[in-house]
Amino acid sequence: NYQLSLGYLLTFLLAGSALVGMHVCHGTLRG
């Protein structure tokens, strides 16, 4: 809405961290 470049950066940084956390969490039990 406000065309915030830093807002995009923060959003995708947090989303990437959540995806990595999901992968690590699943791998903790798998195997």
ModelCIF file with pLDDT and N, C-alpha, C, O atoms, coordinates in Angstrom:
data_MODEL
#
_entry.id   MODEL 
#
_entity.id                         1 
_entity.type                       polymer 
_entity.pdbx_number_of_molecules   1 
#
_entity_poly.entity_id                      1 
_entity_poly.type                           'polypeptide(L)' 
_entity_poly.nstd_linkage                   no 
_entity_poly.nstd_monomer                   no 
_entity_poly.pdbx_seq_one_letter_code       NYQLSLGYLLTFLLAGSALVGMHVCHGTLRG 
_entity_poly.pdbx_seq_one_letter_code_can   NYQLSLGYLLTFLLAGSALVGMHVCHGTLRG 
_entity_poly.pdbx_strand_id                 A 
#
loop_
_entity_poly_seq.entity_id 
_entity_poly_seq.num 
_entity_poly_seq.mon_id 
_entity_poly_seq.hetero 
1 1  ASN n 
1 2  TYR n 
1 3  GLN n 
1 4  LEU n 
1 5  SER n 
1 6  LEU n 
1 7  GLY n 
1 8  TYR n 
1 9  LEU n 
1 10 LEU n 
1 11 THR n 
1 12 PHE n 
1 13 LEU n 
1 14 LEU n 
1 15 ALA n 
1 16 GLY n 
1 17 SER n 
1 18 ALA n 
1 19 LEU n 
1 20 VAL n 
1 21 GLY n 
1 22 MET n 
1 23 HIS n 
1 24 VAL n 
1 25 CYS n 
1 26 HIS n 
1 27 GLY n 
1 28 THR n 
1 29 LEU n 
1 30 ARG n 
1 31 GLY n 
#
_struct_asym.id          A 
_struct_asym.entity_id   1 
#
loop_
_ma_qa_metric.id 
_ma_qa_metric.mode 
_ma_qa_metric.name 
_ma_qa_metric.software_group_id 
_ma_qa_metric.type 
1 global pLDDT . pLDDT 
2 local  pLDDT . pLDDT 
#
_ma_qa_metric_global.metric_id      1 
_ma_qa_metric_global.metric_value   95.00 
_ma_qa_metric_global.model_id       1 
_ma_qa_metric_global.ordinal_id     1 
#
loop_
_ma_qa_metric_local.label_asym_id 
_ma_qa_metric_local.label_comp_id 
_ma_qa_metric_local.label_seq_id 
_ma_qa_metric_local.metric_id 
_ma_qa_metric_local.metric_value 
_ma_qa_metric_local.model_id 
_ma_qa_metric_local.ordinal_id 
A ASN 1  2 94.00 1 1  
A TYR 2  2 92.00 1 2  
A GLN 3  2 90.00 1 3  
A LEU 4  2 92.00 1 4  
A SER 5  2 93.00 1 5  
A LEU 6  2 94.00 1 6  
A GLY 7  2 94.00 1 7  
A TYR 8  2 95.00 1 8  
A LEU 9  2 95.00 1 9  
A LEU 10 2 95.00 1 10 
A THR 11 2 96.00 1 11 
A PHE 12 2 96.00 1 12 
A LEU 13 2 96.00 1 13 
A LEU 14 2 95.00 1 14 
A ALA 15 2 96.00 1 15 
A GLY 16 2 96.00 1 16 
A SER 17 2 95.00 1 17 
A ALA 18 2 95.00 1 18 
A LEU 19 2 96.00 1 19 
A VAL 20 2 96.00 1 20 
A GLY 21 2 96.00 1 21 
A MET 22 2 96.00 1 22 
A HIS 23 2 96.00 1 23 
A VAL 24 2 96.00 1 24 
A CYS 25 2 96.00 1 25 
A HIS 26 2 96.00 1 26 
A GLY 27 2 95.00 1 27 
A THR 28 2 96.00 1 28 
A LEU 29 2 96.00 1 29 
A ARG 30 2 96.00 1 30 
A GLY 31 2 95.00 1 31 
#
loop_
_atom_site.group_PDB 
_atom_site.id 
_atom_site.type_symbol 
_atom_site.label_atom_id 
_atom_site.label_alt_id 
_atom_site.label_comp_id 
_atom_site.label_asym_id 
_atom_site.label_entity_id 
_atom_site.label_seq_id 
_atom_site.pdbx_PDB_ins_code 
_atom_site.Cartn_x 
_atom_site.Cartn_y 
_atom_site.Cartn_z 
_atom_site.occupancy 
_atom_site.B_iso_or_equiv 
_atom_site.pdbx_formal_charge 
_atom_site.auth_seq_id 
_atom_site.auth_comp_id 
_atom_site.auth_asym_id 
_atom_site.auth_atom_id 
_atom_site.pdbx_PDB_model_num 
ATOM 1   N N  . ASN A 1 1  ? 0.824  -1.213  0.000  1.00 94.00 ? 1  ASN A N  1 
ATOM 2   C CA . ASN A 1 1  ? 0.000  0.000   0.000  1.00 94.00 ? 1  ASN A CA 1 
ATOM 3   C C  . ASN A 1 1  ? 0.855  1.258   0.000  1.00 94.00 ? 1  ASN A C  1 
ATOM 4   O O  . ASN A 1 1  ? 0.551  2.224   -0.700 1.00 94.00 ? 1  ASN A O  1 
ATOM 5   N N  . TYR A 1 2  ? 1.926  1.242   0.789  1.00 92.00 ? 2  TYR A N  1 
ATOM 6   C CA . TYR A 1 2  ? 2.743  2.456   0.928  1.00 92.00 ? 2  TYR A CA 1 
ATOM 7   C C  . TYR A 1 2  ? 4.062  2.369   0.151  1.00 92.00 ? 2  TYR A C  1 
ATOM 8   O O  . TYR A 1 2  ? 4.896  3.268   0.249  1.00 92.00 ? 2  TYR A O  1 
ATOM 9   N N  . GLN A 1 3  ? 4.252  1.297   -0.616 1.00 90.00 ? 3  GLN A N  1 
ATOM 10  C CA . GLN A 1 3  ? 5.457  1.139   -1.430 1.00 90.00 ? 3  GLN A CA 1 
ATOM 11  C C  . GLN A 1 3  ? 6.722  1.297   -0.580 1.00 90.00 ? 3  GLN A C  1 
ATOM 12  O O  . GLN A 1 3  ? 7.593  2.111   -0.886 1.00 90.00 ? 3  GLN A O  1 
ATOM 13  N N  . LEU A 1 4  ? 6.805  0.494   0.503  1.00 92.00 ? 4  LEU A N  1 
ATOM 14  C CA . LEU A 1 4  ? 7.938  0.566   1.430  1.00 92.00 ? 4  LEU A CA 1 
ATOM 15  C C  . LEU A 1 4  ? 8.946  -0.527  1.088  1.00 92.00 ? 4  LEU A C  1 
ATOM 16  O O  . LEU A 1 4  ? 8.677  -1.714  1.268  1.00 92.00 ? 4  LEU A O  1 
ATOM 17  N N  . SER A 1 5  ? 10.100 -0.114  0.597  1.00 93.00 ? 5  SER A N  1 
ATOM 18  C CA . SER A 1 5  ? 11.129 -1.091  0.240  1.00 93.00 ? 5  SER A CA 1 
ATOM 19  C C  . SER A 1 5  ? 11.645 -1.824  1.471  1.00 93.00 ? 5  SER A C  1 
ATOM 20  O O  . SER A 1 5  ? 11.853 -3.037  1.438  1.00 93.00 ? 5  SER A O  1 
ATOM 21  N N  . LEU A 1 6  ? 11.850 -1.077  2.563  1.00 94.00 ? 6  LEU A N  1 
ATOM 22  C CA . LEU A 1 6  ? 12.303 -1.728  3.794  1.00 94.00 ? 6  LEU A CA 1 
ATOM 23  C C  . LEU A 1 6  ? 11.226 -2.646  4.368  1.00 94.00 ? 6  LEU A C  1 
ATOM 24  O O  . LEU A 1 6  ? 11.530 -3.632  5.039  1.00 94.00 ? 6  LEU A O  1 
ATOM 25  N N  . GLY A 1 7  ? 9.963  -2.309  4.097  1.00 94.00 ? 7  GLY A N  1 
ATOM 26  C CA . GLY A 1 7  ? 8.867  -3.179  4.535  1.00 94.00 ? 7  GLY A CA 1 
ATOM 27  C C  . GLY A 1 7  ? 8.909  -4.512  3.819  1.00 94.00 ? 7  GLY A C  1 
ATOM 28  O O  . GLY A 1 7  ? 8.719  -5.559  4.437  1.00 94.00 ? 7  GLY A O  1 
ATOM 29  N N  . TYR A 1 8  ? 9.161  -4.477  2.492  1.00 95.00 ? 8  TYR A N  1 
ATOM 30  C CA . TYR A 1 8  ? 9.333  -5.724  1.746  1.00 95.00 ? 8  TYR A CA 1 
ATOM 31  C C  . TYR A 1 8  ? 10.500 -6.532  2.292  1.00 95.00 ? 8  TYR A C  1 
ATOM 32  O O  . TYR A 1 8  ? 10.401 -7.747  2.469  1.00 95.00 ? 8  TYR A O  1 
ATOM 33  N N  . LEU A 1 9  ? 11.610 -5.843  2.560  1.00 95.00 ? 9  LEU A N  1 
ATOM 34  C CA . LEU A 1 9  ? 12.796 -6.537  3.063  1.00 95.00 ? 9  LEU A CA 1 
ATOM 35  C C  . LEU A 1 9  ? 12.514 -7.239  4.377  1.00 95.00 ? 9  LEU A C  1 
ATOM 36  O O  . LEU A 1 9  ? 12.877 -8.399  4.567  1.00 95.00 ? 9  LEU A O  1 
ATOM 37  N N  . LEU A 1 10 ? 11.847 -6.507  5.301  1.00 95.00 ? 10 LEU A N  1 
ATOM 38  C CA . LEU A 1 10 ? 11.528 -7.098  6.608  1.00 95.00 ? 10 LEU A CA 1 
ATOM 39  C C  . LEU A 1 10 ? 10.555 -8.261  6.474  1.00 95.00 ? 10 LEU A C  1 
ATOM 40  O O  . LEU A 1 10 ? 10.706 -9.281  7.147  1.00 95.00 ? 10 LEU A O  1 
ATOM 41  N N  . THR A 1 11 ? 9.547  -8.110  5.597  1.00 96.00 ? 11 THR A N  1 
ATOM 42  C CA . THR A 1 11 ? 8.537  -9.155  5.424  1.00 96.00 ? 11 THR A CA 1 
ATOM 43  C C  . THR A 1 11 ? 9.147  -10.441 4.906  1.00 96.00 ? 11 THR A C  1 
ATOM 44  O O  . THR A 1 11 ? 8.900  -11.517 5.451  1.00 96.00 ? 11 THR A O  1 
ATOM 45  N N  . PHE A 1 12 ? 9.951  -10.330 3.844  1.00 96.00 ? 12 PHE A N  1 
ATOM 46  C CA . PHE A 1 12 ? 10.524 -11.542 3.256  1.00 96.00 ? 12 PHE A CA 1 
ATOM 47  C C  . PHE A 1 12 ? 11.639 -12.115 4.124  1.00 96.00 ? 12 PHE A C  1 
ATOM 48  O O  . PHE A 1 12 ? 11.885 -13.321 4.090  1.00 96.00 ? 12 PHE A O  1 
ATOM 49  N N  . LEU A 1 13 ? 12.319 -11.268 4.903  1.00 96.00 ? 13 LEU A N  1 
ATOM 50  C CA . LEU A 1 13 ? 13.322 -11.781 5.827  1.00 96.00 ? 13 LEU A CA 1 
ATOM 51  C C  . LEU A 1 13 ? 12.679 -12.637 6.917  1.00 96.00 ? 13 LEU A C  1 
ATOM 52  O O  . LEU A 1 13 ? 13.167 -13.718 7.248  1.00 96.00 ? 13 LEU A O  1 
ATOM 53  N N  . LEU A 1 14 ? 11.569 -12.129 7.471  1.00 95.00 ? 14 LEU A N  1 
ATOM 54  C CA . LEU A 1 14 ? 10.858 -12.900 8.495  1.00 95.00 ? 14 LEU A CA 1 
ATOM 55  C C  . LEU A 1 14 ? 10.224 -14.162 7.914  1.00 95.00 ? 14 LEU A C  1 
ATOM 56  O O  . LEU A 1 14 ? 10.233 -15.215 8.550  1.00 95.00 ? 14 LEU A O  1 
ATOM 57  N N  . ALA A 1 15 ? 9.671  -14.053 6.697  1.00 96.00 ? 15 ALA A N  1 
ATOM 58  C CA . ALA A 1 15 ? 9.058  -15.223 6.063  1.00 96.00 ? 15 ALA A CA 1 
ATOM 59  C C  . ALA A 1 15 ? 10.112 -16.293 5.776  1.00 96.00 ? 15 ALA A C  1 
ATOM 60  O O  . ALA A 1 15 ? 9.860  -17.483 5.964  1.00 96.00 ? 15 ALA A O  1 
ATOM 61  N N  . GLY A 1 16 ? 11.301 -15.865 5.317  1.00 96.00 ? 16 GLY A N  1 
ATOM 62  C CA . GLY A 1 16 ? 12.375 -16.835 5.072  1.00 96.00 ? 16 GLY A CA 1 
ATOM 63  C C  . GLY A 1 16 ? 12.833 -17.505 6.346  1.00 96.00 ? 16 GLY A C  1 
ATOM 64  O O  . GLY A 1 16 ? 13.116 -18.703 6.354  1.00 96.00 ? 16 GLY A O  1 
ATOM 65  N N  . SER A 1 17 ? 12.909 -16.729 7.442  1.00 95.00 ? 17 SER A N  1 
ATOM 66  C CA . SER A 1 17 ? 13.291 -17.318 8.726  1.00 95.00 ? 17 SER A CA 1 
ATOM 67  C C  . SER A 1 17 ? 12.265 -18.357 9.186  1.00 95.00 ? 17 SER A C  1 
ATOM 68  O O  . SER A 1 17 ? 12.628 -19.401 9.727  1.00 95.00 ? 17 SER A O  1 
ATOM 69  N N  . ALA A 1 18 ? 10.985 -18.062 8.966  1.00 95.00 ? 18 ALA A N  1 
ATOM 70  C CA . ALA A 1 18 ? 9.939  -19.006 9.358  1.00 95.00 ? 18 ALA A CA 1 
ATOM 71  C C  . ALA A 1 18 ? 10.022 -20.290 8.549  1.00 95.00 ? 18 ALA A C  1 
ATOM 72  O O  . ALA A 1 18 ? 9.830  -21.376 9.095  1.00 95.00 ? 18 ALA A O  1 
ATOM 73  N N  . LEU A 1 19 ? 10.308 -20.181 7.237  1.00 96.00 ? 19 LEU A N  1 
ATOM 74  C CA . LEU A 1 19 ? 10.425 -21.374 6.398  1.00 96.00 ? 19 LEU A CA 1 
ATOM 75  C C  . LEU A 1 19 ? 11.632 -22.221 6.804  1.00 96.00 ? 19 LEU A C  1 
ATOM 76  O O  . LEU A 1 19 ? 11.542 -23.448 6.858  1.00 96.00 ? 19 LEU A O  1 
ATOM 77  N N  . VAL A 1 20 ? 12.769 -21.562 7.091  1.00 96.00 ? 20 VAL A N  1 
ATOM 78  C CA . VAL A 1 20 ? 13.939 -22.302 7.540  1.00 96.00 ? 20 VAL A CA 1 
ATOM 79  C C  . VAL A 1 20 ? 13.651 -22.980 8.876  1.00 96.00 ? 20 VAL A C  1 
ATOM 80  O O  . VAL A 1 20 ? 14.035 -24.131 9.083  1.00 96.00 ? 20 VAL A O  1 
ATOM 81  N N  . GLY A 1 21 ? 12.970 -22.266 9.792  1.00 96.00 ? 21 GLY A N  1 
ATOM 82  C CA . GLY A 1 21 ? 12.607 -22.854 11.084 1.00 96.00 ? 21 GLY A CA 1 
ATOM 83  C C  . GLY A 1 21 ? 11.696 -24.058 10.914 1.00 96.00 ? 21 GLY A C  1 
ATOM 84  O O  . GLY A 1 21 ? 11.820 -25.035 11.653 1.00 96.00 ? 21 GLY A O  1 
ATOM 85  N N  . MET A 1 22 ? 10.772 -24.003 9.941  1.00 96.00 ? 22 MET A N  1 
ATOM 86  C CA . MET A 1 22 ? 9.885  -25.143 9.677  1.00 96.00 ? 22 MET A CA 1 
ATOM 87  C C  . MET A 1 22 ? 10.688 -26.349 9.201  1.00 96.00 ? 22 MET A C  1 
ATOM 88  O O  . MET A 1 22 ? 10.441 -27.473 9.638  1.00 96.00 ? 22 MET A O  1 
ATOM 89  N N  . HIS A 1 23 ? 11.642 -26.120 8.312  1.00 96.00 ? 23 HIS A N  1 
ATOM 90  C CA . HIS A 1 23 ? 12.472 -27.218 7.802  1.00 96.00 ? 23 HIS A CA 1 
ATOM 91  C C  . HIS A 1 23 ? 13.320 -27.833 8.922  1.00 96.00 ? 23 HIS A C  1 
ATOM 92  O O  . HIS A 1 23 ? 13.416 -29.055 9.033  1.00 96.00 ? 23 HIS A O  1 
ATOM 93  N N  . VAL A 1 24 ? 13.932 -26.978 9.747  1.00 96.00 ? 24 VAL A N  1 
ATOM 94  C CA . VAL A 1 24 ? 14.769 -27.478 10.842 1.00 96.00 ? 24 VAL A CA 1 
ATOM 95  C C  . VAL A 1 24 ? 13.910 -28.225 11.869 1.00 96.00 ? 24 VAL A C  1 
ATOM 96  O O  . VAL A 1 24 ? 14.321 -29.264 12.385 1.00 96.00 ? 24 VAL A O  1 
ATOM 97  N N  . CYS A 1 25 ? 12.732 -27.700 12.161 1.00 96.00 ? 25 CYS A N  1 
ATOM 98  C CA . CYS A 1 25 ? 11.844 -28.330 13.148 1.00 96.00 ? 25 CYS A CA 1 
ATOM 99  C C  . CYS A 1 25 ? 11.426 -29.721 12.681 1.00 96.00 ? 25 CYS A C  1 
ATOM 100 O O  . CYS A 1 25 ? 11.447 -30.667 13.468 1.00 96.00 ? 25 CYS A O  1 
ATOM 101 N N  . HIS A 1 26 ? 11.051 -29.855 11.431 1.00 96.00 ? 26 HIS A N  1 
ATOM 102 C CA . HIS A 1 26 ? 10.645 -31.159 10.907 1.00 96.00 ? 26 HIS A CA 1 
ATOM 103 C C  . HIS A 1 26 ? 11.822 -32.128 10.876 1.00 96.00 ? 26 HIS A C  1 
ATOM 104 O O  . HIS A 1 26 ? 11.652 -33.316 11.148 1.00 96.00 ? 26 HIS A O  1 
ATOM 105 N N  . GLY A 1 27 ? 13.013 -31.632 10.546 1.00 95.00 ? 27 GLY A N  1 
ATOM 106 C CA . GLY A 1 27 ? 14.188 -32.485 10.502 1.00 95.00 ? 27 GLY A CA 1 
ATOM 107 C C  . GLY A 1 27 ? 14.675 -32.932 11.863 1.00 95.00 ? 27 GLY A C  1 
ATOM 108 O O  . GLY A 1 27 ? 15.446 -33.887 11.954 1.00 95.00 ? 27 GLY A O  1 
ATOM 109 N N  . THR A 1 28 ? 14.242 -32.258 12.939 1.00 96.00 ? 28 THR A N  1 
ATOM 110 C CA . THR A 1 28 ? 14.661 -32.660 14.282 1.00 96.00 ? 28 THR A CA 1 
ATOM 111 C C  . THR A 1 28 ? 14.114 -34.030 14.654 1.00 96.00 ? 28 THR A C  1 
ATOM 112 O O  . THR A 1 28 ? 14.792 -34.800 15.335 1.00 96.00 ? 28 THR A O  1 
ATOM 113 N N  . LEU A 1 29 ? 12.907 -34.344 14.221 1.00 96.00 ? 29 LEU A N  1 
ATOM 114 C CA . LEU A 1 29 ? 12.332 -35.657 14.502 1.00 96.00 ? 29 LEU A CA 1 
ATOM 115 C C  . LEU A 1 29 ? 12.553 -36.640 13.360 1.00 96.00 ? 29 LEU A C  1 
ATOM 116 O O  . LEU A 1 29 ? 12.712 -37.836 13.603 1.00 96.00 ? 29 LEU A O  1 
ATOM 117 N N  . ARG A 1 30 ? 12.566 -36.167 12.140 1.00 96.00 ? 30 ARG A N  1 
ATOM 118 C CA . ARG A 1 30 ? 12.698 -37.075 10.996 1.00 96.00 ? 30 ARG A CA 1 
ATOM 119 C C  . ARG A 1 30 ? 14.044 -37.798 11.030 1.00 96.00 ? 30 ARG A C  1 
ATOM 120 O O  . ARG A 1 30 ? 15.095 -37.167 11.139 1.00 96.00 ? 30 ARG A O  1 
ATOM 121 N N  . GLY A 1 31 ? 13.999 -39.122 10.937 1.00 95.00 ? 31 GLY A N  1 
ATOM 122 C CA . GLY A 1 31 ? 15.208 -39.937 10.979 1.00 95.00 ? 31 GLY A CA 1 
ATOM 123 C C  . GLY A 1 31 ? 15.598 -40.412 12.367 1.00 95.00 ? 31 GLY A C  1 
ATOM 124 O O  . GLY A 1 31 ? 16.603 -41.107 12.521 1.00 95.00 ? 31 GLY A O  1 
#
